[in-house]
Amino acid sequence: PQFLLSGVLFPVSTLPEVLQPLVALMPLGYAVDALRLVFIQGADLA
């Protein structure tokens, strides 16, 4: 379920609305978001 709902396979924004709140419960979703910030945006701790 984390693979399907955390933005690995499907963009979170395209998930059915009833499933989107579940993403907040999934650690993998936070990790994918953080890695995108670092890998692509070049984000730092600021």
ModelCIF file with pLDDT and N, C-alpha, C, O atoms, coordinates in Angstrom:
data_MODEL
#
_entry.id   MODEL 
#
_entity.id                         1 
_entity.type                       polymer 
_entity.pdbx_number_of_molecules   1 
#
_entity_poly.entity_id                      1 
_entity_poly.type                           'polypeptide(L)' 
_entity_poly.nstd_linkage                   no 
_entity_poly.nstd_monomer                   no 
_entity_poly.pdbx_seq_one_letter_code       PQFLLSGVLFPVSTLPEVLQPLVALMPLGYAVDALRLVFIQGADLA 
_entity_poly.pdbx_seq_one_letter_code_can   PQFLLSGVLFPVSTLPEVLQPLVALMPLGYAVDALRLVFIQGADLA 
_entity_poly.pdbx_strand_id                 A 
#
loop_
_entity_poly_seq.entity_id 
_entity_poly_seq.num 
_entity_poly_seq.mon_id 
_entity_poly_seq.hetero 
1 1  PRO n 
1 2  GLN n 
1 3  PHE n 
1 4  LEU n 
1 5  LEU n 
1 6  SER n 
1 7  GLY n 
1 8  VAL n 
1 9  LEU n 
1 10 PHE n 
1 11 PRO n 
1 12 VAL n 
1 13 SER n 
1 14 THR n 
1 15 LEU n 
1 16 PRO n 
1 17 GLU n 
1 18 VAL n 
1 19 LEU n 
1 20 GLN n 
1 21 PRO n 
1 22 LEU n 
1 23 VAL n 
1 24 ALA n 
1 25 LEU n 
1 26 MET n 
1 27 PRO n 
1 28 LEU n 
1 29 GLY n 
1 30 TYR n 
1 31 ALA n 
1 32 VAL n 
1 33 ASP n 
1 34 ALA n 
1 35 LEU n 
1 36 ARG n 
1 37 LEU n 
1 38 VAL n 
1 39 PHE n 
1 40 ILE n 
1 41 GLN n 
1 42 GLY n 
1 43 ALA n 
1 44 ASP n 
1 45 LEU n 
1 46 ALA n 
#
_struct_asym.id          A 
_struct_asym.entity_id   1 
#
loop_
_ma_qa_metric.id 
_ma_qa_metric.mode 
_ma_qa_metric.name 
_ma_qa_metric.software_group_id 
_ma_qa_metric.type 
1 global pLDDT . pLDDT 
2 local  pLDDT . pLDDT 
#
_ma_qa_metric_global.metric_id      1 
_ma_qa_metric_global.metric_value   90.59 
_ma_qa_metric_global.model_id       1 
_ma_qa_metric_global.ordinal_id     1 
#
loop_
_ma_qa_metric_local.label_asym_id 
_ma_qa_metric_local.label_comp_id 
_ma_qa_metric_local.label_seq_id 
_ma_qa_metric_local.metric_id 
_ma_qa_metric_local.metric_value 
_ma_qa_metric_local.model_id 
_ma_qa_metric_local.ordinal_id 
A PRO 1  2 91.00 1 1  
A GLN 2  2 92.00 1 2  
A PHE 3  2 92.00 1 3  
A LEU 4  2 91.00 1 4  
A LEU 5  2 91.00 1 5  
A SER 6  2 91.00 1 6  
A GLY 7  2 87.00 1 7  
A VAL 8  2 87.00 1 8  
A LEU 9  2 84.00 1 9  
A PHE 10 2 85.00 1 10 
A PRO 11 2 87.00 1 11 
A VAL 12 2 87.00 1 12 
A SER 13 2 84.00 1 13 
A THR 14 2 85.00 1 14 
A LEU 15 2 89.00 1 15 
A PRO 16 2 90.00 1 16 
A GLU 17 2 88.00 1 17 
A VAL 18 2 90.00 1 18 
A LEU 19 2 91.00 1 19 
A GLN 20 2 90.00 1 20 
A PRO 21 2 90.00 1 21 
A LEU 22 2 90.00 1 22 
A VAL 23 2 90.00 1 23 
A ALA 24 2 91.00 1 24 
A LEU 25 2 91.00 1 25 
A MET 26 2 93.00 1 26 
A PRO 27 2 94.00 1 27 
A LEU 28 2 94.00 1 28 
A GLY 29 2 94.00 1 29 
A TYR 30 2 95.00 1 30 
A ALA 31 2 95.00 1 31 
A VAL 32 2 94.00 1 32 
A ASP 33 2 94.00 1 33 
A ALA 34 2 95.00 1 34 
A LEU 35 2 94.00 1 35 
A ARG 36 2 92.00 1 36 
A LEU 37 2 93.00 1 37 
A VAL 38 2 93.00 1 38 
A PHE 39 2 92.00 1 39 
A ILE 40 2 90.00 1 40 
A GLN 41 2 89.00 1 41 
A GLY 42 2 89.00 1 42 
A ALA 43 2 89.00 1 43 
A ASP 44 2 91.00 1 44 
A LEU 45 2 92.00 1 45 
A ALA 46 2 91.00 1 46 
#
loop_
_atom_site.group_PDB 
_atom_site.id 
_atom_site.type_symbol 
_atom_site.label_atom_id 
_atom_site.label_alt_id 
_atom_site.label_comp_id 
_atom_site.label_asym_id 
_atom_site.label_entity_id 
_atom_site.label_seq_id 
_atom_site.pdbx_PDB_ins_code 
_atom_site.Cartn_x 
_atom_site.Cartn_y 
_atom_site.Cartn_z 
_atom_site.occupancy 
_atom_site.B_iso_or_equiv 
_atom_site.pdbx_formal_charge 
_atom_site.auth_seq_id 
_atom_site.auth_comp_id 
_atom_site.auth_asym_id 
_atom_site.auth_atom_id 
_atom_site.pdbx_PDB_model_num 
ATOM 1   N N  . PRO A 1 1  ? 0.812   -1.226 0.000   1.00 91.00 ? 1  PRO A N  1 
ATOM 2   C CA . PRO A 1 1  ? 0.000   0.000  0.000   1.00 91.00 ? 1  PRO A CA 1 
ATOM 3   C C  . PRO A 1 1  ? 0.845   1.276  0.000   1.00 91.00 ? 1  PRO A C  1 
ATOM 4   O O  . PRO A 1 1  ? 0.463   2.267  -0.623  1.00 91.00 ? 1  PRO A O  1 
ATOM 5   N N  . GLN A 1 2  ? 1.977   1.263  0.684   1.00 92.00 ? 2  GLN A N  1 
ATOM 6   C CA . GLN A 1 2  ? 2.836   2.449  0.661   1.00 92.00 ? 2  GLN A CA 1 
ATOM 7   C C  . GLN A 1 2  ? 3.436   2.656  -0.729  1.00 92.00 ? 2  GLN A C  1 
ATOM 8   O O  . GLN A 1 2  ? 3.603   3.790  -1.177  1.00 92.00 ? 2  GLN A O  1 
ATOM 9   N N  . PHE A 1 3  ? 3.757   1.561  -1.402  1.00 92.00 ? 3  PHE A N  1 
ATOM 10  C CA . PHE A 1 3  ? 4.275   1.659  -2.763  1.00 92.00 ? 3  PHE A CA 1 
ATOM 11  C C  . PHE A 1 3  ? 3.244   2.297  -3.690  1.00 92.00 ? 3  PHE A C  1 
ATOM 12  O O  . PHE A 1 3  ? 3.599   3.072  -4.578  1.00 92.00 ? 3  PHE A O  1 
ATOM 13  N N  . LEU A 1 4  ? 1.972   1.970  -3.485  1.00 91.00 ? 4  LEU A N  1 
ATOM 14  C CA . LEU A 1 4  ? 0.916   2.473  -4.359  1.00 91.00 ? 4  LEU A CA 1 
ATOM 15  C C  . LEU A 1 4  ? 0.489   3.897  -4.016  1.00 91.00 ? 4  LEU A C  1 
ATOM 16  O O  . LEU A 1 4  ? 0.072   4.650  -4.896  1.00 91.00 ? 4  LEU A O  1 
ATOM 17  N N  . LEU A 1 5  ? 0.592   4.270  -2.735  1.00 91.00 ? 5  LEU A N  1 
ATOM 18  C CA . LEU A 1 5  ? -0.013  5.523  -2.287  1.00 91.00 ? 5  LEU A CA 1 
ATOM 19  C C  . LEU A 1 5  ? 0.976   6.621  -1.920  1.00 91.00 ? 5  LEU A C  1 
ATOM 20  O O  . LEU A 1 5  ? 0.559   7.733  -1.599  1.00 91.00 ? 5  LEU A O  1 
ATOM 21  N N  . SER A 1 6  ? 2.268   6.338  -1.958  1.00 91.00 ? 6  SER A N  1 
ATOM 22  C CA . SER A 1 6  ? 3.250   7.315  -1.473  1.00 91.00 ? 6  SER A CA 1 
ATOM 23  C C  . SER A 1 6  ? 3.947   8.076  -2.582  1.00 91.00 ? 6  SER A C  1 
ATOM 24  O O  . SER A 1 6  ? 4.980   8.702  -2.341  1.00 91.00 ? 6  SER A O  1 
ATOM 25  N N  . GLY A 1 7  ? 3.415   8.038  -3.778  1.00 87.00 ? 7  GLY A N  1 
ATOM 26  C CA . GLY A 1 7  ? 4.019   8.775  -4.865  1.00 87.00 ? 7  GLY A CA 1 
ATOM 27  C C  . GLY A 1 7  ? 5.111   8.032  -5.591  1.00 87.00 ? 7  GLY A C  1 
ATOM 28  O O  . GLY A 1 7  ? 5.796   8.613  -6.432  1.00 87.00 ? 7  GLY A O  1 
ATOM 29  N N  . VAL A 1 8  ? 5.295   6.744  -5.286  1.00 87.00 ? 8  VAL A N  1 
ATOM 30  C CA . VAL A 1 8  ? 6.297   5.952  -5.987  1.00 87.00 ? 8  VAL A CA 1 
ATOM 31  C C  . VAL A 1 8  ? 5.800   5.575  -7.375  1.00 87.00 ? 8  VAL A C  1 
ATOM 32  O O  . VAL A 1 8  ? 6.518   5.731  -8.363  1.00 87.00 ? 8  VAL A O  1 
ATOM 33  N N  . LEU A 1 9  ? 4.570   5.079  -7.446  1.00 84.00 ? 9  LEU A N  1 
ATOM 34  C CA . LEU A 1 9  ? 3.998   4.627  -8.712  1.00 84.00 ? 9  LEU A CA 1 
ATOM 35  C C  . LEU A 1 9  ? 3.016   5.632  -9.290  1.00 84.00 ? 9  LEU A C  1 
ATOM 36  O O  . LEU A 1 9  ? 3.041   5.906  -10.490 1.00 84.00 ? 9  LEU A O  1 
ATOM 37  N N  . PHE A 1 10 ? 2.150   6.185  -8.443  1.00 85.00 ? 10 PHE A N  1 
ATOM 38  C CA . PHE A 1 10 ? 1.150   7.153  -8.887  1.00 85.00 ? 10 PHE A CA 1 
ATOM 39  C C  . PHE A 1 10 ? 1.401   8.493  -8.184  1.00 85.00 ? 10 PHE A C  1 
ATOM 40  O O  . PHE A 1 10 ? 1.714   8.506  -6.994  1.00 85.00 ? 10 PHE A O  1 
ATOM 41  N N  . PRO A 1 11 ? 1.270   9.618  -8.894  1.00 87.00 ? 11 PRO A N  1 
ATOM 42  C CA . PRO A 1 11 ? 1.351   10.917 -8.212  1.00 87.00 ? 11 PRO A CA 1 
ATOM 43  C C  . PRO A 1 11 ? 0.271   11.039 -7.144  1.00 87.00 ? 11 PRO A C  1 
ATOM 44  O O  . PRO A 1 11 ? -0.882  10.677 -7.381  1.00 87.00 ? 11 PRO A O  1 
ATOM 45  N N  . VAL A 1 12 ? 0.634   11.540 -5.985  1.00 87.00 ? 12 VAL A N  1 
ATOM 46  C CA . VAL A 1 12 ? -0.320  11.651 -4.880  1.00 87.00 ? 12 VAL A CA 1 
ATOM 47  C C  . VAL A 1 12 ? -1.507  12.521 -5.269  1.00 87.00 ? 12 VAL A C  1 
ATOM 48  O O  . VAL A 1 12 ? -2.637  12.258 -4.857  1.00 87.00 ? 12 VAL A O  1 
ATOM 49  N N  . SER A 1 13 ? -1.251  13.550 -6.060  1.00 84.00 ? 13 SER A N  1 
ATOM 50  C CA . SER A 1 13 ? -2.325  14.474 -6.425  1.00 84.00 ? 13 SER A CA 1 
ATOM 51  C C  . SER A 1 13 ? -3.388  13.834 -7.299  1.00 84.00 ? 13 SER A C  1 
ATOM 52  O O  . SER A 1 13 ? -4.495  14.364 -7.401  1.00 84.00 ? 13 SER A O  1 
ATOM 53  N N  . THR A 1 14 ? -3.081  12.701 -7.937  1.00 85.00 ? 14 THR A N  1 
ATOM 54  C CA . THR A 1 14 ? -4.051  12.045 -8.808  1.00 85.00 ? 14 THR A CA 1 
ATOM 55  C C  . THR A 1 14 ? -4.808  10.922 -8.114  1.00 85.00 ? 14 THR A C  1 
ATOM 56  O O  . THR A 1 14 ? -5.690  10.313 -8.718  1.00 85.00 ? 14 THR A O  1 
ATOM 57  N N  . LEU A 1 15 ? -4.483  10.638 -6.868  1.00 89.00 ? 15 LEU A N  1 
ATOM 58  C CA . LEU A 1 15 ? -5.172  9.571  -6.150  1.00 89.00 ? 15 LEU A CA 1 
ATOM 59  C C  . LEU A 1 15 ? -6.620  9.977  -5.873  1.00 89.00 ? 15 LEU A C  1 
ATOM 60  O O  . LEU A 1 15 ? -6.916  11.168 -5.770  1.00 89.00 ? 15 LEU A O  1 
ATOM 61  N N  . PRO A 1 16 ? -7.525  9.005  -5.750  1.00 90.00 ? 16 PRO A N  1 
ATOM 62  C CA . PRO A 1 16 ? -8.889  9.339  -5.317  1.00 90.00 ? 16 PRO A CA 1 
ATOM 63  C C  . PRO A 1 16 ? -8.862  10.087 -3.994  1.00 90.00 ? 16 PRO A C  1 
ATOM 64  O O  . PRO A 1 16 ? -8.031  9.793  -3.134  1.00 90.00 ? 16 PRO A O  1 
ATOM 65  N N  . GLU A 1 17 ? -9.749  11.038 -3.824  1.00 88.00 ? 17 GLU A N  1 
ATOM 66  C CA . GLU A 1 17 ? -9.734  11.902 -2.638  1.00 88.00 ? 17 GLU A CA 1 
ATOM 67  C C  . GLU A 1 17 ? -9.829  11.103 -1.343  1.00 88.00 ? 17 GLU A C  1 
ATOM 68  O O  . GLU A 1 17 ? -9.244  11.494 -0.333  1.00 88.00 ? 17 GLU A O  1 
ATOM 69  N N  . VAL A 1 18 ? -10.556 9.994  -1.362  1.00 90.00 ? 18 VAL A N  1 
ATOM 70  C CA . VAL A 1 18 ? -10.731 9.219  -0.139  1.00 90.00 ? 18 VAL A CA 1 
ATOM 71  C C  . VAL A 1 18 ? -9.422  8.573  0.308   1.00 90.00 ? 18 VAL A C  1 
ATOM 72  O O  . VAL A 1 18 ? -9.270  8.241  1.483   1.00 90.00 ? 18 VAL A O  1 
ATOM 73  N N  . LEU A 1 19 ? -8.467  8.389  -0.620  1.00 91.00 ? 19 LEU A N  1 
ATOM 74  C CA . LEU A 1 19 ? -7.200  7.750  -0.281  1.00 91.00 ? 19 LEU A CA 1 
ATOM 75  C C  . LEU A 1 19 ? -6.106  8.743  0.081   1.00 91.00 ? 19 LEU A C  1 
ATOM 76  O O  . LEU A 1 19 ? -5.141  8.375  0.752   1.00 91.00 ? 19 LEU A O  1 
ATOM 77  N N  . GLN A 1 20 ? -6.235  9.978  -0.344  1.00 90.00 ? 20 GLN A N  1 
ATOM 78  C CA . GLN A 1 20 ? -5.152  10.941 -0.120  1.00 90.00 ? 20 GLN A CA 1 
ATOM 79  C C  . GLN A 1 20 ? -4.828  11.176 1.357   1.00 90.00 ? 20 GLN A C  1 
ATOM 80  O O  . GLN A 1 20 ? -3.651  11.332 1.683   1.00 90.00 ? 20 GLN A O  1 
ATOM 81  N N  . PRO A 1 21 ? -5.817  11.209 2.278   1.00 90.00 ? 21 PRO A N  1 
ATOM 82  C CA . PRO A 1 21 ? -5.439  11.373 3.693   1.00 90.00 ? 21 PRO A CA 1 
ATOM 83  C C  . PRO A 1 21 ? -4.575  10.239 4.229   1.00 90.00 ? 21 PRO A C  1 
ATOM 84  O O  . PRO A 1 21 ? -3.849  10.437 5.203   1.00 90.00 ? 21 PRO A O  1 
ATOM 85  N N  . LEU A 1 22 ? -4.632  9.049  3.620   1.00 90.00 ? 22 LEU A N  1 
ATOM 86  C CA . LEU A 1 22 ? -3.831  7.924  4.089   1.00 90.00 ? 22 LEU A CA 1 
ATOM 87  C C  . LEU A 1 22 ? -2.349  8.150  3.857   1.00 90.00 ? 22 LEU A C  1 
ATOM 88  O O  . LEU A 1 22 ? -1.517  7.568  4.553   1.00 90.00 ? 22 LEU A O  1 
ATOM 89  N N  . VAL A 1 23 ? -2.009  8.984  2.894   1.00 90.00 ? 23 VAL A N  1 
ATOM 90  C CA . VAL A 1 23 ? -0.602  9.235  2.591   1.00 90.00 ? 23 VAL A CA 1 
ATOM 91  C C  . VAL A 1 23 ? 0.107   9.839  3.801   1.00 90.00 ? 23 VAL A C  1 
ATOM 92  O O  . VAL A 1 23 ? 1.295   9.595  4.012   1.00 90.00 ? 23 VAL A O  1 
ATOM 93  N N  . ALA A 1 24 ? -0.612  10.619 4.588   1.00 91.00 ? 24 ALA A N  1 
ATOM 94  C CA . ALA A 1 24 ? -0.015  11.248 5.771   1.00 91.00 ? 24 ALA A CA 1 
ATOM 95  C C  . ALA A 1 24 ? 0.387   10.223 6.825   1.00 91.00 ? 24 ALA A C  1 
ATOM 96  O O  . ALA A 1 24 ? 1.146   10.548 7.738   1.00 91.00 ? 24 ALA A O  1 
ATOM 97  N N  . LEU A 1 25 ? -0.107  8.992  6.718   1.00 91.00 ? 25 LEU A N  1 
ATOM 98  C CA . LEU A 1 25 ? 0.209   7.948  7.691   1.00 91.00 ? 25 LEU A CA 1 
ATOM 99  C C  . LEU A 1 25 ? 1.374   7.072  7.244   1.00 91.00 ? 25 LEU A C  1 
ATOM 100 O O  . LEU A 1 25 ? 1.764   6.154  7.965   1.00 91.00 ? 25 LEU A O  1 
ATOM 101 N N  . MET A 1 26 ? 1.931   7.337  6.076   1.00 93.00 ? 26 MET A N  1 
ATOM 102 C CA . MET A 1 26 ? 2.907   6.430  5.480   1.00 93.00 ? 26 MET A CA 1 
ATOM 103 C C  . MET A 1 26 ? 4.297   7.027  5.488   1.00 93.00 ? 26 MET A C  1 
ATOM 104 O O  . MET A 1 26 ? 4.532   8.052  4.849   1.00 93.00 ? 26 MET A O  1 
ATOM 105 N N  . PRO A 1 27 ? 5.236   6.396  6.210   1.00 94.00 ? 27 PRO A N  1 
ATOM 106 C CA . PRO A 1 27 ? 6.607   6.933  6.276   1.00 94.00 ? 27 PRO A CA 1 
ATOM 107 C C  . PRO A 1 27 ? 7.262   7.064  4.911   1.00 94.00 ? 27 PRO A C  1 
ATOM 108 O O  . PRO A 1 27 ? 8.021   8.003  4.672   1.00 94.00 ? 27 PRO A O  1 
ATOM 109 N N  . LEU A 1 28 ? 6.971   6.130  4.017   1.00 94.00 ? 28 LEU A N  1 
ATOM 110 C CA . LEU A 1 28 ? 7.606   6.171  2.706   1.00 94.00 ? 28 LEU A CA 1 
ATOM 111 C C  . LEU A 1 28 ? 7.238   7.454  1.959   1.00 94.00 ? 28 LEU A C  1 
ATOM 112 O O  . LEU A 1 28 ? 8.058   7.982  1.208   1.00 94.00 ? 28 LEU A O  1 
ATOM 113 N N  . GLY A 1 29 ? 6.021   7.960  2.155   1.00 94.00 ? 29 GLY A N  1 
ATOM 114 C CA . GLY A 1 29 ? 5.610   9.193  1.500   1.00 94.00 ? 29 GLY A CA 1 
ATOM 115 C C  . GLY A 1 29 ? 6.462   10.375 1.928   1.00 94.00 ? 29 GLY A C  1 
ATOM 116 O O  . GLY A 1 29 ? 6.829   11.205 1.097   1.00 94.00 ? 29 GLY A O  1 
ATOM 117 N N  . TYR A 1 30 ? 6.783   10.464 3.220   1.00 95.00 ? 30 TYR A N  1 
ATOM 118 C CA . TYR A 1 30 ? 7.621   11.554 3.709   1.00 95.00 ? 30 TYR A CA 1 
ATOM 119 C C  . TYR A 1 30 ? 9.045   11.428 3.167   1.00 95.00 ? 30 TYR A C  1 
ATOM 120 O O  . TYR A 1 30 ? 9.684   12.429 2.840   1.00 95.00 ? 30 TYR A O  1 
ATOM 121 N N  . ALA A 1 31 ? 9.539   10.184 3.074   1.00 95.00 ? 31 ALA A N  1 
ATOM 122 C CA . ALA A 1 31 ? 10.894  9.982  2.559   1.00 95.00 ? 31 ALA A CA 1 
ATOM 123 C C  . ALA A 1 31 ? 10.989  10.347 1.085   1.00 95.00 ? 31 ALA A C  1 
ATOM 124 O O  . ALA A 1 31 ? 11.948  10.997 0.668   1.00 95.00 ? 31 ALA A O  1 
ATOM 125 N N  . VAL A 1 32 ? 10.006  9.934  0.293   1.00 94.00 ? 32 VAL A N  1 
ATOM 126 C CA . VAL A 1 32 ? 10.009  10.268 -1.132  1.00 94.00 ? 32 VAL A CA 1 
ATOM 127 C C  . VAL A 1 32 ? 9.939   11.776 -1.327  1.00 94.00 ? 32 VAL A C  1 
ATOM 128 O O  . VAL A 1 32 ? 10.634  12.333 -2.176  1.00 94.00 ? 32 VAL A O  1 
ATOM 129 N N  . ASP A 1 33 ? 9.092   12.434 -0.535  1.00 94.00 ? 33 ASP A N  1 
ATOM 130 C CA . ASP A 1 33 ? 8.979   13.893 -0.634  1.00 94.00 ? 33 ASP A CA 1 
ATOM 131 C C  . ASP A 1 33 ? 10.302  14.555 -0.276  1.00 94.00 ? 33 ASP A C  1 
ATOM 132 O O  . ASP A 1 33 ? 10.748  15.471 -0.967  1.00 94.00 ? 33 ASP A O  1 
ATOM 133 N N  . ALA A 1 34 ? 10.933  14.094 0.804   1.00 95.00 ? 34 ALA A N  1 
ATOM 134 C CA . ALA A 1 34 ? 12.206  14.689 1.225   1.00 95.00 ? 34 ALA A CA 1 
ATOM 135 C C  . ALA A 1 34 ? 13.299  14.450 0.189   1.00 95.00 ? 34 ALA A C  1 
ATOM 136 O O  . ALA A 1 34 ? 14.090  15.350 -0.095  1.00 95.00 ? 34 ALA A O  1 
ATOM 137 N N  . LEU A 1 35 ? 13.349  13.258 -0.370  1.00 94.00 ? 35 LEU A N  1 
ATOM 138 C CA . LEU A 1 35 ? 14.379  12.962 -1.361  1.00 94.00 ? 35 LEU A CA 1 
ATOM 139 C C  . LEU A 1 35 ? 14.175  13.779 -2.633  1.00 94.00 ? 35 LEU A C  1 
ATOM 140 O O  . LEU A 1 35 ? 15.147  14.192 -3.265  1.00 94.00 ? 35 LEU A O  1 
ATOM 141 N N  . ARG A 1 36 ? 12.928  14.013 -3.010  1.00 92.00 ? 36 ARG A N  1 
ATOM 142 C CA . ARG A 1 36 ? 12.686  14.868 -4.179  1.00 92.00 ? 36 ARG A CA 1 
ATOM 143 C C  . ARG A 1 36 ? 13.153  16.297 -3.906  1.00 92.00 ? 36 ARG A C  1 
ATOM 144 O O  . ARG A 1 36 ? 13.720  16.955 -4.778  1.00 92.00 ? 36 ARG A O  1 
ATOM 145 N N  . LEU A 1 37 ? 12.907  16.762 -2.691  1.00 93.00 ? 37 LEU A N  1 
ATOM 146 C CA . LEU A 1 37 ? 13.360  18.110 -2.343  1.00 93.00 ? 37 LEU A CA 1 
ATOM 147 C C  . LEU A 1 37 ? 14.880  18.217 -2.442  1.00 93.00 ? 37 LEU A C  1 
ATOM 148 O O  . LEU A 1 37 ? 15.407  19.214 -2.937  1.00 93.00 ? 37 LEU A O  1 
ATOM 149 N N  . VAL A 1 38 ? 15.579  17.185 -1.970  1.00 93.00 ? 38 VAL A N  1 
ATOM 150 C CA . VAL A 1 38 ? 17.043  17.220 -1.980  1.00 93.00 ? 38 VAL A CA 1 
ATOM 151 C C  . VAL A 1 38 ? 17.598  16.943 -3.370  1.00 93.00 ? 38 VAL A C  1 
ATOM 152 O O  . VAL A 1 38 ? 18.461  17.675 -3.854  1.00 93.00 ? 38 VAL A O  1 
ATOM 153 N N  . PHE A 1 39 ? 17.099  15.881 -4.016  1.00 92.00 ? 39 PHE A N  1 
ATOM 154 C CA . PHE A 1 39 ? 17.634  15.473 -5.308  1.00 92.00 ? 39 PHE A CA 1 
ATOM 155 C C  . PHE A 1 39 ? 17.365  16.520 -6.391  1.00 92.00 ? 39 PHE A C  1 
ATOM 156 O O  . PHE A 1 39 ? 18.260  16.863 -7.163  1.00 92.00 ? 39 PHE A O  1 
ATOM 157 N N  . ILE A 1 40 ? 16.135  17.023 -6.446  1.00 90.00 ? 40 ILE A N  1 
ATOM 158 C CA . ILE A 1 40 ? 15.704  17.832 -7.581  1.00 90.00 ? 40 ILE A CA 1 
ATOM 159 C C  . ILE A 1 40 ? 15.707  19.324 -7.268  1.00 90.00 ? 40 ILE A C  1 
ATOM 160 O O  . ILE A 1 40 ? 16.132  20.137 -8.090  1.00 90.00 ? 40 ILE A O  1 
ATOM 161 N N  . GLN A 1 41 ? 15.224  19.684 -6.060  1.00 89.00 ? 41 GLN A N  1 
ATOM 162 C CA . GLN A 1 41 ? 15.131  21.104 -5.717  1.00 89.00 ? 41 GLN A CA 1 
ATOM 163 C C  . GLN A 1 41 ? 16.414  21.632 -5.094  1.00 89.00 ? 41 GLN A C  1 
ATOM 164 O O  . GLN A 1 41 ? 16.658  22.838 -5.094  1.00 89.00 ? 41 GLN A O  1 
ATOM 165 N N  . GLY A 1 42 ? 17.230  20.736 -4.567  1.00 89.00 ? 42 GLY A N  1 
ATOM 166 C CA . GLY A 1 42 ? 18.444  21.182 -3.901  1.00 89.00 ? 42 GLY A CA 1 
ATOM 167 C C  . GLY A 1 42 ? 18.173  21.782 -2.533  1.00 89.00 ? 42 GLY A C  1 
ATOM 168 O O  . GLY A 1 42 ? 18.913  22.652 -2.076  1.00 89.00 ? 42 GLY A O  1 
ATOM 169 N N  . ALA A 1 43 ? 17.119  21.322 -1.880  1.00 89.00 ? 43 ALA A N  1 
ATOM 170 C CA . ALA A 1 43 ? 16.719  21.876 -0.589  1.00 89.00 ? 43 ALA A CA 1 
ATOM 171 C C  . ALA A 1 43 ? 17.741  21.538 0.498   1.00 89.00 ? 43 ALA A C  1 
ATOM 172 O O  . ALA A 1 43 ? 18.433  20.522 0.436   1.00 89.00 ? 43 ALA A O  1 
ATOM 173 N N  . ASP A 1 44 ? 17.809  22.424 1.493   1.00 91.00 ? 44 ASP A N  1 
ATOM 174 C CA . ASP A 1 44 ? 18.629  22.163 2.674   1.00 91.00 ? 44 ASP A CA 1 
ATOM 175 C C  . ASP A 1 44 ? 17.743  22.296 3.902   1.00 91.00 ? 44 ASP A C  1 
ATOM 176 O O  . ASP A 1 44 ? 16.521  22.390 3.781   1.00 91.00 ? 44 ASP A O  1 
ATOM 177 N N  . LEU A 1 45 ? 18.352  22.306 5.080   1.00 92.00 ? 45 LEU A N  1 
ATOM 178 C CA . LEU A 1 45 ? 17.570  22.322 6.312   1.00 92.00 ? 45 LEU A CA 1 
ATOM 179 C C  . LEU A 1 45 ? 16.848  23.643 6.532   1.00 92.00 ? 45 LEU A C  1 
ATOM 180 O O  . LEU A 1 45 ? 16.059  23.753 7.470   1.00 92.00 ? 45 LEU A O  1 
ATOM 181 N N  . ALA A 1 46 ? 17.089  24.631 5.712   1.00 91.00 ? 46 ALA A N  1 
ATOM 182 C CA . ALA A 1 46 ? 16.338  25.884 5.817   1.00 91.00 ? 46 ALA A CA 1 
ATOM 183 C C  . ALA A 1 46 ? 14.927  25.741 5.274   1.00 91.00 ? 46 ALA A C  1 
ATOM 184 O O  . ALA A 1 46 ? 14.160  26.704 5.287   1.00 91.00 ? 46 ALA A O  1 
#
